[in-house]
């Protein structure tokens, strides 16, 4: 049975090219196209697509407003297709409103470049279309029960997350109190240019201090460092013996930069068995190699349970490799982390 896709873009040329790209895979059928969000709302009702591929800047009802309205009416997977780096505000707003992922498209005039994103677009359409609709929206993770303060078992929590991650983190991190006793470092797969703004938006709803990681940032309790898109995040001890962040270009052979594998490996190297690693919703297997490194150093690995994942790829790879100490639904993840800390 083919995946039914709806294309939304105010440019007839872009609609044509995107239709050609996704239709080149026999598993995907484009059932319609819309010129703006208003028309898209009507077509989602009449055509019942499995997934929507949507532009951001459109007349009448733009991409962000469409995502908000559609997710209230009938949640379904929505991929945002964006051409401009200056779309960062709108991209983050769309993800926060429930869009599942973003694909960066080149200028509509650069036909060869536009077609170069075909493989990524098709891969994400297939993965997103399989996402359980119930997991596209949901309640925040429950607040952990706070026990009497005692010596912590771990010195660092590291999280690897991808597709569905912006929404999952908005549900998870607000559950933690400002006095959470250890730092948290996160790799979230996002296009370059969006992580700083996403971190700012996340900081607005969290008691924790959330920011995009920079070279030399000091790891401290209650602080959340989000890896910068385009740079791996690692750690080292400075001359004073403090642990600080470092942004890295190497290794170059990783599919993702930043990579959860690199983050987890660096954490285990610096902190040994005092690392709690968490692998959450996302495509692929980033985090599996790093989880093995954490386990080899005596640390603990948690994975998000399939029933709450938008895309059960990264956690599955860790579980199937026998590296997960526990599989936890998103609603219970904050408590699971807190109780182990």
Protein backbone atom coordinates (compact mmCIF):
# COMPACT_ATOMS: atom_id res chain seq x y z
CA UNK A 1 0.00 0.00 0.00
CA UNK A 2 1.54 3.32 -1.07
CA UNK A 3 2.17 6.34 1.13
CA UNK A 4 -0.29 9.14 0.27
CA UNK A 5 1.47 12.53 0.24
CA UNK A 6 0.13 16.06 -0.08
CA UNK A 7 2.48 18.81 -1.35
CA UNK A 8 1.94 22.40 -0.13
CA UNK A 9 3.85 25.30 -1.70
CA UNK A 10 2.84 28.63 -3.18
CA UNK A 11 5.32 28.15 -6.05
CA UNK A 12 3.98 26.04 -8.92
CA UNK A 13 7.57 25.26 -9.89
CA UNK A 14 8.42 24.02 -6.39
CA UNK A 15 5.24 21.91 -6.28
CA UNK A 16 6.21 20.32 -9.58
CA UNK A 17 9.78 19.54 -8.50
CA UNK A 18 8.80 18.18 -5.09
CA UNK A 19 6.09 16.05 -6.72
CA UNK A 20 8.66 14.62 -9.14
CA UNK A 21 11.10 13.93 -6.31
CA UNK A 22 8.76 12.04 -4.00
CA UNK A 23 6.90 10.31 -6.85
CA UNK A 24 10.17 8.86 -8.10
CA UNK A 25 9.83 6.30 -5.31
CA UNK A 26 7.14 3.73 -6.15
CA UNK A 27 6.14 3.51 -2.48
CA UNK A 28 4.92 7.14 -2.48
CA UNK A 29 1.85 8.52 -4.26
CA UNK A 30 1.24 12.27 -4.43
CA UNK A 31 -2.52 12.56 -4.02
CA UNK A 32 -2.73 16.33 -4.33
CA UNK A 33 -1.07 19.71 -4.06
CA UNK A 34 -2.06 22.99 -2.43
CA UNK A 35 -0.96 26.58 -2.96
CA UNK A 36 -1.24 27.66 0.68
CA UNK A 37 -2.22 26.49 4.12
CA UNK A 38 -5.93 27.29 3.68
CA UNK A 39 -6.18 25.04 0.64
CA UNK A 40 -4.08 22.41 2.41
CA UNK A 41 -6.54 22.28 5.33
CA UNK A 42 -9.36 21.58 2.87
CA UNK A 43 -7.38 18.90 1.03
CA UNK A 44 -6.29 17.06 4.17
CA UNK A 45 -9.98 16.66 4.95
CA UNK A 46 -11.06 15.55 1.47
CA UNK A 47 -7.99 13.48 0.48
CA UNK A 48 -6.87 12.02 3.81
CA UNK A 49 -3.11 12.01 3.10
CA UNK A 50 -0.68 10.03 5.24
CA UNK A 51 1.83 12.89 5.25
CA UNK A 52 2.10 16.55 4.23
CA UNK A 53 5.25 18.15 2.79
CA UNK A 54 4.81 21.85 3.42
CA UNK A 55 6.59 25.10 2.54
CA UNK A 56 6.86 27.83 5.17
CA UNK A 57 6.29 31.19 3.50
CA UNK A 58 2.88 31.25 1.81
CA UNK A 59 -0.01 33.71 1.45
CA UNK A 60 -3.28 33.48 3.41
CA UNK A 61 -2.11 30.75 5.81
CA UNK A 62 1.63 30.19 6.16
CA UNK A 63 3.38 26.95 7.12
CA UNK A 64 3.52 27.58 10.87
CA UNK A 65 -0.16 28.53 11.06
CA UNK A 66 -1.05 25.50 8.95
CA UNK A 67 0.82 23.15 11.29
CA UNK A 68 -0.89 24.64 14.34
CA UNK A 69 -4.37 24.41 12.82
CA UNK A 70 -3.88 20.97 11.31
CA UNK A 71 -2.52 19.46 14.52
CA UNK A 72 -5.56 20.76 16.39
CA UNK A 73 -8.00 19.41 13.78
CA UNK A 74 -6.44 16.07 12.84
CA UNK A 75 -2.82 15.35 13.79
CA UNK A 76 -0.74 13.86 11.02
CA UNK A 77 2.96 13.84 10.07
CA UNK A 78 4.05 17.15 8.53
CA UNK A 79 7.49 17.68 6.98
CA UNK A 80 8.61 21.27 6.56
CA UNK A 81 10.50 22.15 3.38
CA UNK A 82 12.44 25.39 3.84
CA UNK A 83 14.68 27.28 1.46
CA UNK A 84 16.08 30.07 3.58
CA UNK A 85 18.44 30.27 6.55
CA UNK A 86 16.42 33.29 7.70
CA UNK A 87 13.49 30.91 8.23
CA UNK A 88 15.00 29.81 11.55
CA UNK A 89 12.29 31.46 13.68
CA UNK A 90 9.51 29.93 11.62
CA UNK A 91 11.20 26.51 11.48
CA UNK A 92 11.50 26.32 15.26
CA UNK A 93 7.90 27.53 15.66
CA UNK A 94 6.70 24.86 13.22
CA UNK A 95 8.60 22.12 15.04
CA UNK A 96 7.27 23.32 18.38
CA UNK A 97 3.75 23.30 16.90
CA UNK A 98 4.11 19.64 15.94
CA UNK A 99 5.90 19.38 12.58
CA UNK A 100 7.87 16.16 12.57
CA UNK A 101 11.04 17.27 10.77
CA UNK A 102 12.56 19.76 8.36
CA UNK A 103 14.29 19.33 5.00
CA UNK A 104 16.39 22.24 3.76
CA UNK A 105 15.70 22.97 0.11
CA UNK A 106 17.99 25.06 -2.10
CA UNK A 107 16.74 27.99 -4.17
CA UNK A 108 13.85 27.12 -6.47
CA UNK A 109 16.01 28.31 -9.35
CA UNK A 110 18.74 25.78 -8.61
CA UNK A 111 17.05 22.73 -10.13
CA UNK A 112 20.02 20.38 -9.77
CA UNK A 113 20.51 21.38 -6.14
CA UNK A 114 16.83 20.96 -5.39
CA UNK A 115 16.85 17.46 -6.78
CA UNK A 116 19.94 16.67 -4.73
CA UNK A 117 17.77 16.60 -1.60
CA UNK A 118 15.56 13.89 -3.14
CA UNK A 119 17.06 10.96 -1.25
CA UNK A 120 16.82 12.73 2.11
CA UNK A 121 13.26 13.84 1.39
CA UNK A 122 12.12 10.37 0.36
CA UNK A 123 13.76 8.78 3.40
CA UNK A 124 12.07 11.25 5.73
CA UNK A 125 8.68 10.93 4.01
CA UNK A 126 8.78 7.15 4.46
CA UNK A 127 9.88 7.34 8.09
CA UNK A 128 7.46 10.12 9.03
CA UNK A 129 4.49 8.43 7.35
CA UNK A 130 5.05 5.41 9.60
CA UNK A 131 5.02 7.50 12.79
CA UNK A 132 2.16 6.67 15.17
CA UNK A 133 -0.22 9.65 15.03
CA UNK A 134 -0.83 9.43 18.78
CA UNK A 135 2.87 10.15 19.39
CA UNK A 136 2.87 13.39 17.39
CA UNK A 137 1.09 15.12 20.25
CA UNK A 138 1.12 14.29 23.92
CA UNK A 139 1.40 15.39 27.50
CA UNK A 140 4.60 16.50 29.12
CA UNK A 141 6.60 13.93 31.01
CA UNK A 142 5.49 13.63 34.60
CA UNK A 143 7.46 15.54 37.20
CA UNK A 144 9.84 13.22 39.04
CA UNK A 145 9.33 12.62 42.71
CA UNK A 146 12.14 14.38 44.55
CA UNK A 147 13.82 12.27 47.20
CA UNK A 148 16.06 13.56 49.95
CA UNK A 149 19.30 14.81 48.43
CA UNK A 150 22.19 12.39 48.63
CA UNK A 151 25.40 11.77 46.72
CA UNK A 152 24.68 11.33 43.03
CA UNK A 153 25.43 8.08 41.20
CA UNK A 154 26.26 9.93 37.95
CA UNK A 155 28.10 13.11 37.01
CA UNK A 156 26.50 13.67 33.59
CA UNK A 157 23.37 12.83 31.60
CA UNK A 158 23.81 12.66 27.81
CA UNK A 159 20.88 12.41 25.40
CA UNK A 160 20.84 11.46 21.72
CA UNK A 161 17.66 12.27 19.80
CA UNK A 162 16.53 13.02 16.25
CA UNK A 163 13.21 12.94 14.35
CA UNK A 164 10.45 13.86 16.75
CA UNK A 165 13.08 15.22 19.12
CA UNK A 166 12.02 18.87 19.33
CA UNK A 167 8.59 17.87 20.59
CA UNK A 168 9.94 15.14 22.90
CA UNK A 169 12.45 17.48 24.56
CA UNK A 170 9.73 20.08 25.11
CA UNK A 171 7.83 17.42 27.03
CA UNK A 172 10.81 15.99 28.91
CA UNK A 173 13.03 18.84 30.06
CA UNK A 174 10.38 21.03 31.76
CA UNK A 175 9.83 18.14 34.16
CA UNK A 176 13.23 18.69 35.79
CA UNK A 177 13.69 21.15 38.68
CA UNK A 178 16.19 24.01 38.56
CA UNK A 179 18.35 22.26 41.17
CA UNK A 180 18.78 19.08 39.10
CA UNK A 181 22.09 17.85 40.52
CA UNK A 182 24.07 17.09 37.33
CA UNK A 183 24.56 18.73 33.91
CA UNK A 184 22.78 17.45 30.79
CA UNK A 185 24.26 17.42 27.26
CA UNK A 186 22.12 16.77 24.20
CA UNK A 187 22.68 15.94 20.55
CA UNK A 188 19.58 16.74 18.49
CA UNK A 189 19.81 16.32 14.73
CA UNK A 190 18.77 19.67 13.24
CA UNK A 191 19.90 21.66 10.19
CA UNK A 192 22.69 24.20 10.71
CA UNK A 193 21.45 27.53 11.98
CA UNK A 194 18.51 26.35 14.07
CA UNK A 195 19.92 24.97 17.32
CA UNK A 196 20.67 28.30 19.02
CA UNK A 197 17.12 29.54 18.54
CA UNK A 198 15.63 26.19 19.52
CA UNK A 199 17.69 26.23 22.73
CA UNK A 200 16.42 29.74 23.51
CA UNK A 201 12.80 28.66 23.04
CA UNK A 202 13.38 25.58 25.19
CA UNK A 203 14.96 27.71 27.91
CA UNK A 204 11.77 29.77 28.11
CA UNK A 205 9.73 26.78 29.29
CA UNK A 206 12.31 25.07 31.51
CA UNK A 207 13.46 25.61 35.07
CA UNK A 208 16.84 24.32 33.90
CA UNK A 209 19.30 26.70 32.20
CA UNK A 210 19.26 25.64 28.52
CA UNK A 211 21.66 26.97 25.89
CA UNK A 212 23.50 26.07 22.71
CA UNK A 213 26.95 24.69 23.56
CA UNK A 214 30.03 26.83 22.94
CA UNK A 215 33.73 26.07 23.29
CA UNK A 216 34.76 26.34 26.92
CA UNK A 217 31.26 26.13 28.43
CA UNK A 218 31.55 24.81 31.96
CA UNK A 219 29.49 21.75 32.85
CA UNK A 220 27.52 22.44 35.99
CA UNK A 221 24.40 21.12 37.73
CA UNK A 222 21.13 22.46 36.33
CA UNK A 223 22.76 23.39 33.01
CA UNK A 224 21.66 21.87 29.67
CA UNK A 225 24.02 22.15 26.69
CA UNK A 226 22.51 21.53 23.24
CA UNK A 227 25.12 20.57 20.65
CA UNK A 228 25.53 23.12 17.89
CA UNK A 229 24.34 21.92 14.48
CA UNK A 230 27.38 21.27 12.28
CA UNK A 231 29.75 20.58 15.21
CA UNK A 232 30.27 17.50 17.36
CA UNK A 233 30.07 18.07 21.10
CA UNK A 234 32.78 16.65 23.35
CA UNK A 235 34.43 17.39 26.70
CA UNK A 236 37.84 17.83 28.24
CA UNK A 237 39.35 18.87 31.56
CA UNK A 238 40.82 22.36 31.67
CA UNK A 239 43.92 23.44 33.61
CA UNK A 240 41.79 23.90 36.74
CA UNK A 241 40.45 20.36 36.52
CA UNK A 242 36.99 21.54 35.47
CA UNK A 243 35.10 19.80 32.68
CA UNK A 244 34.30 22.05 29.74
CA UNK A 245 32.65 21.61 26.36
CA UNK A 246 34.53 21.54 23.10
CA UNK A 247 33.10 21.80 19.60
CA UNK A 248 34.68 19.48 17.05
CA UNK A 249 34.67 18.96 13.28
CA UNK A 250 36.28 15.52 13.57
CA UNK A 251 35.36 12.78 12.96
CA UNK A 252 34.21 13.57 9.43
CA UNK A 253 32.92 10.08 8.63
CA UNK A 254 29.79 10.37 10.75
CA UNK A 255 26.44 10.64 8.98
CA UNK A 256 25.40 13.30 11.47
CA UNK A 257 27.31 16.24 12.88
CA UNK A 258 26.71 16.51 15.77
CA UNK A 259 26.64 12.78 16.46
CA UNK A 260 25.33 11.10 19.60
CA UNK A 261 28.10 8.52 19.17
CA UNK A 262 30.76 11.23 19.52
CA UNK A 263 29.01 12.81 22.51
CA UNK A 264 28.58 9.50 24.33
CA UNK A 265 32.14 8.38 23.65
CA UNK A 266 33.65 11.64 24.89
CA UNK A 267 31.44 11.56 27.99
CA UNK A 268 32.51 8.01 28.83
CA UNK A 269 36.17 8.85 28.25
CA UNK A 270 36.03 11.81 30.64
CA UNK A 271 33.57 10.55 33.25
CA UNK A 272 34.03 6.77 33.13
CA UNK A 273 31.22 4.87 34.78
CA UNK A 274 29.47 8.03 35.98
CA UNK A 275 27.58 8.61 32.71
CA UNK A 276 23.86 8.05 32.19
CA UNK A 277 23.12 7.92 28.45
CA UNK A 278 19.62 8.19 26.99
CA UNK A 279 18.72 7.33 23.38
CA UNK A 280 15.36 8.65 22.23
CA UNK A 281 13.16 8.92 19.13
CA UNK A 282 14.92 9.22 15.78
CA UNK A 283 15.84 7.61 12.47
CA UNK A 284 18.92 5.47 12.00
CA UNK A 285 21.35 4.12 14.58
CA UNK A 286 23.27 7.13 15.86
CA UNK A 287 23.96 6.44 19.52
CA UNK A 288 24.44 2.68 19.22
CA UNK A 289 28.22 2.84 18.97
CA UNK A 290 28.35 5.47 21.70
CA UNK A 291 26.08 3.40 23.95
CA UNK A 292 28.52 0.51 23.62
CA UNK A 293 31.31 2.84 24.71
CA UNK A 294 29.28 4.01 27.73
CA UNK A 295 28.53 0.42 28.72
CA UNK A 296 32.17 -0.62 28.31
CA UNK A 297 33.14 2.08 30.81
CA UNK A 298 30.50 0.95 33.34
CA UNK A 299 27.85 3.57 32.61
CA UNK A 300 24.10 3.06 32.21
CA UNK A 301 22.02 3.36 29.01
CA UNK A 302 18.27 4.03 28.83
CA UNK A 303 16.20 3.92 25.64
CA UNK A 304 12.82 5.41 24.84
CA UNK A 305 10.14 2.74 24.52
CA UNK A 306 8.66 2.07 21.10
CA UNK A 307 5.15 2.98 22.21
CA UNK A 308 6.07 6.67 22.71
CA UNK A 309 8.60 7.15 19.89
CA UNK A 310 7.73 9.13 16.78
CA UNK A 311 10.42 7.14 14.93
CA UNK A 312 11.60 3.96 16.64
CA UNK A 313 15.00 3.79 14.95
CA UNK A 314 17.80 4.96 17.24
CA UNK A 315 16.40 3.31 20.38
CA UNK A 316 15.69 0.10 18.48
CA UNK A 317 19.30 -0.14 17.30
CA UNK A 318 20.55 0.16 20.89
CA UNK A 319 18.05 -2.34 22.27
CA UNK A 320 18.66 -4.90 19.53
CA UNK A 321 22.39 -4.65 20.23
CA UNK A 322 21.69 -5.60 23.86
CA UNK A 323 22.97 -2.26 25.18
CA UNK A 324 19.83 -0.88 26.85
CA UNK A 325 19.47 -1.23 30.61
CA UNK A 326 15.80 -0.22 30.47
CA UNK A 327 13.19 0.81 27.89
CA UNK A 328 11.15 3.74 29.21
CA UNK A 329 8.10 5.55 27.74
CA UNK A 330 8.54 9.30 27.32
CA UNK A 331 5.96 10.04 30.04
CA UNK A 332 8.10 8.17 32.57
CA UNK A 333 11.55 9.17 31.31
CA UNK A 334 12.12 12.09 33.70
CA UNK A 335 11.35 9.87 36.70
CA UNK A 336 13.57 7.10 35.32
CA UNK A 337 16.49 9.52 34.93
CA UNK A 338 15.95 11.20 38.27
CA UNK A 339 15.66 7.96 40.23
CA UNK A 340 18.94 6.68 38.78
CA UNK A 341 20.75 9.96 39.41
